[in-house]
């Protein structure tokens, strides 16, 4: 599977295969609190982002590969 330009950019910028909540908020130009509220809404974006979510202990991360795919495909 080929790496998209978006995925490569995210990996280079954040130096990790996972994004923290603050990192994802920065990418989406939202505050962390605004992102949390958005993730609880019942819409396509929140469903797709929640599917990309990984919990490690109490911390929440998002897989770069999935986030890049969401950004590349766009959401209605």
Protein backbone atom coordinates (compact mmCIF):
# COMPACT_ATOMS: atom_id res chain seq x y z
CA UNK A 1 0.00 0.00 0.00
CA UNK A 2 1.37 3.39 -1.01
CA UNK A 3 1.82 6.16 1.53
CA UNK A 4 -0.13 9.31 0.70
CA UNK A 5 1.42 12.77 0.81
CA UNK A 6 -0.85 13.63 3.74
CA UNK A 7 0.25 10.59 5.71
CA UNK A 8 3.90 11.35 5.00
CA UNK A 9 3.42 14.98 6.09
CA UNK A 10 1.72 13.94 9.35
CA UNK A 11 4.44 11.38 10.12
CA UNK A 12 7.21 13.92 9.43
CA UNK A 13 5.53 16.65 11.48
CA UNK A 14 4.60 14.59 14.55
CA UNK A 15 7.32 11.86 14.43
CA UNK A 16 4.93 9.12 15.56
CA UNK A 17 2.44 6.69 14.03
CA UNK A 18 -0.15 8.02 16.49
CA UNK A 19 -1.51 11.52 17.00
CA UNK A 20 -2.37 12.87 20.42
CA UNK A 21 -5.67 14.70 20.86
CA UNK A 22 -3.78 18.03 20.83
CA UNK A 23 -2.02 17.07 17.58
CA UNK A 24 -5.27 16.16 15.84
CA UNK A 25 -6.89 19.38 17.06
CA UNK A 26 -3.97 21.33 15.55
CA UNK A 27 -4.32 19.52 12.21
CA UNK A 28 -8.06 20.21 12.11
CA UNK A 29 -7.65 23.86 13.27
CA UNK A 30 -9.79 23.28 16.37
CA UNK A 31 -9.25 23.59 20.08
CA UNK A 32 -8.89 20.37 22.06
CA UNK A 33 -12.22 21.02 23.77
CA UNK A 34 -13.89 21.72 20.43
CA UNK A 35 -12.51 18.47 19.05
CA UNK A 36 -13.80 16.53 22.07
CA UNK A 37 -17.28 17.98 21.55
CA UNK A 38 -17.12 17.14 17.83
CA UNK A 39 -16.17 13.53 18.59
CA UNK A 40 -19.36 13.08 20.64
CA UNK A 41 -21.63 14.33 17.83
CA UNK A 42 -23.40 11.85 15.59
CA UNK A 43 -21.91 12.73 12.21
CA UNK A 44 -19.74 11.06 9.60
CA UNK A 45 -16.55 12.84 10.68
CA UNK A 46 -16.90 11.84 14.34
CA UNK A 47 -17.73 8.24 13.40
CA UNK A 48 -14.66 7.98 11.17
CA UNK A 49 -12.34 9.66 13.69
CA UNK A 50 -13.63 7.49 16.52
CA UNK A 51 -12.90 4.42 14.38
CA UNK A 52 -9.28 5.68 14.09
CA UNK A 53 -9.04 6.11 17.87
CA UNK A 54 -6.72 4.00 20.01
CA UNK A 55 -6.78 4.06 23.81
CA UNK A 56 -3.58 3.28 25.66
CA UNK A 57 -4.31 3.41 29.35
CA UNK A 58 -6.20 6.64 29.91
CA UNK A 59 -4.69 8.38 26.90
CA UNK A 60 -6.42 8.68 23.54
CA UNK A 61 -4.51 8.58 20.26
CA UNK A 62 -5.47 8.51 16.59
CA UNK A 63 -3.75 6.41 13.91
CA UNK A 64 -2.00 8.67 11.38
CA UNK A 65 -2.79 6.30 8.52
CA UNK A 66 -6.54 6.52 9.20
CA UNK A 67 -6.52 10.29 9.82
CA UNK A 68 -4.66 10.85 6.54
CA UNK A 69 -7.22 8.73 4.68
CA UNK A 70 -10.09 10.72 6.24
CA UNK A 71 -8.46 14.02 5.25
CA UNK A 72 -7.67 12.81 1.72
CA UNK A 73 -11.16 11.43 1.07
CA UNK A 74 -12.99 14.32 2.69
CA UNK A 75 -16.24 14.11 4.61
CA UNK A 76 -19.71 15.20 3.53
